Amino acid sequence: MLDQLSTLDQLDRGTDNIETIQARAEADQARAIKLNQQDAETRTAASSVTVEASQAAVDTAASDFEVAGLALVAAAADAANAAATLAALDVRPIIPTDAGQLSDQGWANPAHGPITDGYGPRPVRPLPGVGAFHYGTDIGAGCGAPVFAATAGIVRAAGSVGSYGNWILLDHGQGVQTGYAHLSDTLVAVGDRVAAGQQVGRVGSTGLSTGCHTHVEVRVDGVRIDPQAFFLKRGVVLGR
């Protein structure tokens, strides 16, 4: 009988141990499942952040590339325009047999005053009959102020010429000419030789003009070009 009771007691303890071990196993299994789930969630979150960050970096790089491309196109266009302008301004070399034209006298400012209108299209015309394109630079010097020859040359025109009013055209040689319009009067005659900085006329408002100023033109081989760029290339800043 005692042996049977002892055996039953041992069986009960064994059962208790089995249940305890089983409970621990279930707890460990639950913990393992939870850890696996947390690990999966962590990996998913990390993967999502990486993809989002990578996509954002790709989007930023694409945007920067597009901006750089547009800037490159604009720079190329500016370079092409600059090259075309320089080509238009280029003149033939000075030669010793130039008879004093385009000489070492250098270049002078034709008139002193602010620029009131530049070379280029003119959407708003100041007066009826004025062209839609302005082929010179207007310098707002006061009435009667002196107008000077830009450099040495020969007078090819001096007198009233249509919308220019009183006009002087100087031939500097090598296909280069400068003109001065709307003068109150001219102080030279056709055929005269003038020196750089010599006064050739006075500021006025003759022809199609809204007030006293000097219209300065530059012609290279008969083509009227931007006077500001031409003079600046020769060390003279118009509008001073």
Protein backbone atom coordinates (compact mmCIF):
# COMPACT_ATOMS: atom_id res chain seq x y z
CA MET A 1 0.00 0.00 0.00
CA LEU A 2 2.77 2.41 0.96
CA ASP A 3 4.58 1.60 -2.21
CA GLN A 4 1.47 2.40 -4.20
CA LEU A 5 1.01 5.73 -2.40
CA SER A 6 4.64 6.62 -3.03
CA THR A 7 4.22 5.79 -6.69
CA LEU A 8 1.08 7.97 -6.95
CA ASP A 9 2.89 10.83 -5.25
CA GLN A 10 5.74 10.60 -7.71
CA LEU A 11 3.27 10.53 -10.58
CA ASP A 12 1.59 13.70 -9.27
CA ARG A 13 4.96 15.44 -9.00
CA GLY A 14 5.86 14.33 -12.47
CA THR A 15 2.58 15.64 -13.76
CA ASP A 16 3.22 18.97 -12.01
CA ASN A 17 6.68 19.13 -13.56
CA ILE A 18 5.31 18.35 -17.00
CA GLU A 19 2.67 21.06 -16.67
CA THR A 20 5.30 23.54 -15.48
CA ILE A 21 7.61 22.68 -18.30
CA GLN A 22 4.72 22.88 -20.75
CA ALA A 23 3.70 26.28 -19.40
CA ARG A 24 7.26 27.51 -19.71
CA ALA A 25 7.49 26.14 -23.22
CA GLU A 26 4.26 27.90 -24.18
CA ALA A 27 5.50 31.13 -22.62
CA ASP A 28 8.81 30.81 -24.44
CA GLN A 29 6.96 30.10 -27.66
CA ALA A 30 4.73 33.15 -27.18
CA ARG A 31 7.78 35.28 -26.42
CA ALA A 32 9.52 33.95 -29.51
CA ILE A 33 6.47 34.72 -31.66
CA LYS A 34 6.31 38.25 -30.24
CA LEU A 35 10.03 38.81 -30.84
CA ASN A 36 9.71 37.52 -34.39
CA GLN A 37 6.77 39.83 -34.96
CA GLN A 38 8.71 42.81 -33.55
CA ASP A 39 11.70 41.92 -35.69
CA ALA A 40 9.52 41.71 -38.79
CA GLU A 41 7.91 45.05 -37.97
CA THR A 42 11.32 46.62 -37.39
CA ARG A 43 12.63 45.27 -40.68
CA THR A 44 9.54 46.48 -42.53
CA ALA A 45 9.81 49.95 -40.99
CA ALA A 46 13.53 50.12 -41.76
CA SER A 47 12.91 48.99 -45.31
CA SER A 48 10.11 51.54 -45.74
CA VAL A 49 12.26 54.38 -44.41
CA THR A 50 15.09 53.41 -46.70
CA VAL A 51 12.84 53.27 -49.76
CA GLU A 52 11.19 56.59 -48.91
CA ALA A 53 14.55 58.24 -48.25
CA SER A 54 15.97 56.81 -51.46
CA GLN A 55 12.96 58.01 -53.46
CA ALA A 56 13.28 61.48 -51.94
CA ALA A 57 16.99 61.54 -52.84
CA VAL A 58 16.19 60.43 -56.38
CA ASP A 59 13.49 63.10 -56.72
CA THR A 60 15.87 65.80 -55.42
CA ALA A 61 18.65 64.69 -57.74
CA ALA A 62 16.26 64.67 -60.70
CA SER A 63 15.08 68.19 -59.85
CA ASP A 64 18.67 69.44 -59.47
CA PHE A 65 19.59 67.82 -62.78
CA GLU A 66 16.67 69.50 -64.53
CA VAL A 67 17.59 72.91 -63.07
CA ALA A 68 21.22 72.41 -64.08
CA GLY A 69 20.11 71.44 -67.58
CA LEU A 70 18.00 74.57 -67.95
CA ALA A 71 20.87 76.71 -66.65
CA LEU A 72 23.21 75.09 -69.16
CA VAL A 73 20.79 75.79 -72.02
CA ALA A 74 20.46 79.42 -70.89
CA ALA A 75 24.24 79.78 -70.58
CA ALA A 76 24.72 78.34 -74.06
CA ALA A 77 22.16 80.80 -75.46
CA ASP A 78 23.89 83.71 -73.68
CA ALA A 79 27.26 82.58 -75.01
CA ALA A 80 25.87 82.36 -78.55
CA ASN A 81 24.34 85.84 -78.27
CA ALA A 82 27.58 87.24 -76.88
CA ALA A 83 29.58 85.65 -79.68
CA ALA A 84 27.19 87.06 -82.27
CA THR A 85 27.42 90.52 -80.69
CA LEU A 86 31.21 90.44 -80.63
CA ALA A 87 31.27 89.26 -84.23
CA ALA A 88 29.02 92.16 -85.22
CA LEU A 89 31.22 94.64 -83.34
CA ASP A 90 34.49 93.37 -84.76
CA VAL A 91 36.13 95.70 -87.26
CA ARG A 92 38.96 95.18 -89.68
CA PRO A 93 42.52 95.82 -88.38
CA ILE A 94 43.88 99.35 -88.47
CA ILE A 95 46.48 99.80 -91.20
CA PRO A 96 49.25 102.46 -91.37
CA THR A 97 47.89 103.90 -94.66
CA ASP A 98 44.62 104.91 -92.97
CA ALA A 99 45.42 108.65 -93.45
CA GLY A 100 44.77 109.56 -89.82
CA GLN A 101 41.40 107.79 -89.52
CA LEU A 102 40.98 105.29 -86.68
CA SER A 103 44.31 106.68 -85.49
CA ASP A 104 46.05 106.47 -82.15
CA GLN A 105 44.03 109.48 -81.00
CA GLY A 106 41.68 106.98 -79.38
CA TRP A 107 37.96 107.38 -78.76
CA ALA A 108 36.04 110.17 -77.04
CA ASN A 109 32.57 110.37 -75.48
CA PRO A 110 30.31 112.14 -78.04
CA ALA A 111 28.14 113.83 -75.37
CA HIS A 112 27.73 113.93 -71.63
CA GLY A 113 24.41 113.11 -69.99
CA PRO A 114 22.15 110.22 -69.02
CA ILE A 115 20.98 107.64 -71.55
CA THR A 116 17.32 108.28 -72.28
CA ASP A 117 16.76 105.53 -74.85
CA GLY A 118 18.86 102.58 -75.94
CA TYR A 119 19.37 100.56 -79.10
CA GLY A 120 16.66 98.01 -79.84
CA PRO A 121 12.92 97.50 -80.34
CA ARG A 122 10.69 100.38 -79.34
CA PRO A 123 7.20 99.05 -78.41
CA VAL A 124 5.98 102.54 -77.49
CA ARG A 125 6.83 105.16 -80.09
CA PRO A 126 7.36 108.67 -78.70
CA LEU A 127 6.00 110.39 -81.84
CA PRO A 128 4.05 109.47 -84.97
CA GLY A 129 6.42 108.54 -87.79
CA VAL A 130 9.11 107.21 -85.46
CA GLY A 131 10.30 103.71 -86.37
CA ALA A 132 9.53 100.61 -84.30
CA PHE A 133 13.27 99.93 -83.90
CA HIS A 134 15.69 102.42 -82.40
CA TYR A 135 19.01 102.26 -84.22
CA GLY A 136 21.04 104.36 -81.81
CA THR A 137 21.57 105.51 -78.25
CA ASP A 138 19.96 108.74 -77.02
CA ILE A 139 22.02 110.85 -74.60
CA GLY A 140 20.04 113.42 -72.67
CA ALA A 141 22.51 116.29 -72.70
CA GLY A 142 21.14 119.79 -72.20
CA CYS A 143 20.16 122.07 -75.06
CA GLY A 144 23.24 123.73 -76.59
CA ALA A 145 25.70 121.30 -74.94
CA PRO A 146 28.68 120.36 -77.13
CA VAL A 147 28.73 117.24 -79.29
CA PHE A 148 32.16 115.75 -80.01
CA ALA A 149 33.62 113.55 -82.73
CA ALA A 150 34.09 110.03 -81.37
CA THR A 151 37.47 109.74 -83.10
CA ALA A 152 39.33 111.17 -86.08
CA GLY A 153 37.50 111.09 -89.38
CA ILE A 154 36.05 112.87 -92.38
CA VAL A 155 32.63 114.54 -92.44
CA ARG A 156 30.38 112.75 -94.94
CA ALA A 157 27.10 114.50 -94.07
CA ALA A 158 26.23 117.73 -92.24
CA GLY A 159 22.76 119.27 -92.38
CA SER A 160 19.05 118.56 -92.05
CA VAL A 161 18.05 114.98 -92.85
CA GLY A 162 14.37 114.09 -92.32
CA SER A 163 13.50 112.66 -88.91
CA TYR A 164 17.14 113.02 -87.80
CA GLY A 165 16.86 116.80 -87.94
CA ASN A 166 20.33 118.36 -88.07
CA TRP A 167 22.65 115.42 -88.61
CA ILE A 168 26.39 114.79 -88.86
CA LEU A 169 27.91 111.57 -90.22
CA LEU A 170 31.63 110.97 -89.70
CA ASP A 171 33.62 108.39 -91.63
CA HIS A 172 36.44 106.94 -89.50
CA GLY A 173 37.80 104.52 -92.10
CA GLN A 174 37.79 100.73 -92.20
CA GLY A 175 34.01 100.80 -92.78
CA VAL A 176 33.31 102.50 -89.41
CA GLN A 177 31.06 105.56 -89.19
CA THR A 178 29.43 107.46 -86.33
CA GLY A 179 26.42 109.74 -86.58
CA TYR A 180 24.91 112.47 -84.39
CA ALA A 181 21.27 113.56 -84.80
CA HIS A 182 18.76 116.18 -83.56
CA LEU A 183 21.51 118.83 -83.29
CA SER A 184 20.57 122.47 -82.87
CA ASP A 185 23.33 123.33 -85.34
CA THR A 186 26.37 121.82 -87.01
CA LEU A 187 29.88 123.28 -86.75
CA VAL A 188 31.50 121.32 -89.60
CA ALA A 189 30.96 120.87 -93.34
CA VAL A 190 31.12 117.88 -95.68
CA GLY A 191 34.75 117.02 -96.44
CA ASP A 192 36.17 118.46 -93.23
CA ARG A 193 38.66 116.39 -91.29
CA VAL A 194 38.03 116.22 -87.56
CA ALA A 195 40.06 114.94 -84.62
CA ALA A 196 38.95 112.75 -81.74
CA GLY A 197 37.07 114.86 -79.19
CA GLN A 198 36.69 117.86 -81.52
CA GLN A 199 33.37 119.67 -81.13
CA VAL A 200 31.27 119.17 -84.27
CA GLY A 201 27.85 120.44 -83.17
CA ARG A 202 25.47 121.37 -80.35
CA VAL A 203 22.68 119.40 -78.70
CA GLY A 204 19.19 120.29 -79.91
CA SER A 205 15.71 118.89 -80.54
CA THR A 206 15.37 119.05 -84.33
CA GLY A 207 13.60 116.44 -86.44
CA LEU A 208 11.36 113.90 -84.70
CA SER A 209 12.37 114.66 -81.13
CA THR A 210 10.54 115.21 -77.86
CA GLY A 211 13.31 117.22 -76.19
CA CYS A 212 16.97 118.14 -76.30
CA HIS A 213 19.22 115.10 -76.68
CA THR A 214 21.79 113.58 -79.00
CA HIS A 215 21.01 110.45 -80.97
CA VAL A 216 24.33 108.60 -81.46
CA GLU A 217 24.65 105.96 -84.17
CA VAL A 218 27.44 103.55 -85.09
CA ARG A 219 27.62 101.91 -88.52
CA VAL A 220 30.01 99.14 -89.54
CA ASP A 221 30.02 98.48 -93.29
CA GLY A 222 26.68 100.27 -93.46
CA VAL A 223 25.01 98.18 -90.74
CA ARG A 224 23.75 100.10 -87.71
CA ILE A 225 24.83 98.36 -84.49
CA ASP A 226 24.50 98.94 -80.74
CA PRO A 227 26.57 102.07 -79.88
CA GLN A 228 26.87 101.25 -76.17
CA ALA A 229 28.55 97.90 -76.79
CA PHE A 230 30.74 99.35 -79.55
CA PHE A 231 31.98 102.27 -77.45
CA LEU A 232 32.43 100.13 -74.34
CA LYS A 233 34.73 97.80 -76.30
CA ARG A 234 36.86 100.89 -77.01
CA GLY A 235 36.96 102.10 -73.41
CA VAL A 236 34.16 104.69 -73.59
CA VAL A 237 31.04 104.44 -71.41
CA LEU A 238 28.11 106.29 -72.95
CA GLY A 239 25.76 108.08 -70.60
CA ARG A 240 28.38 109.79 -68.44
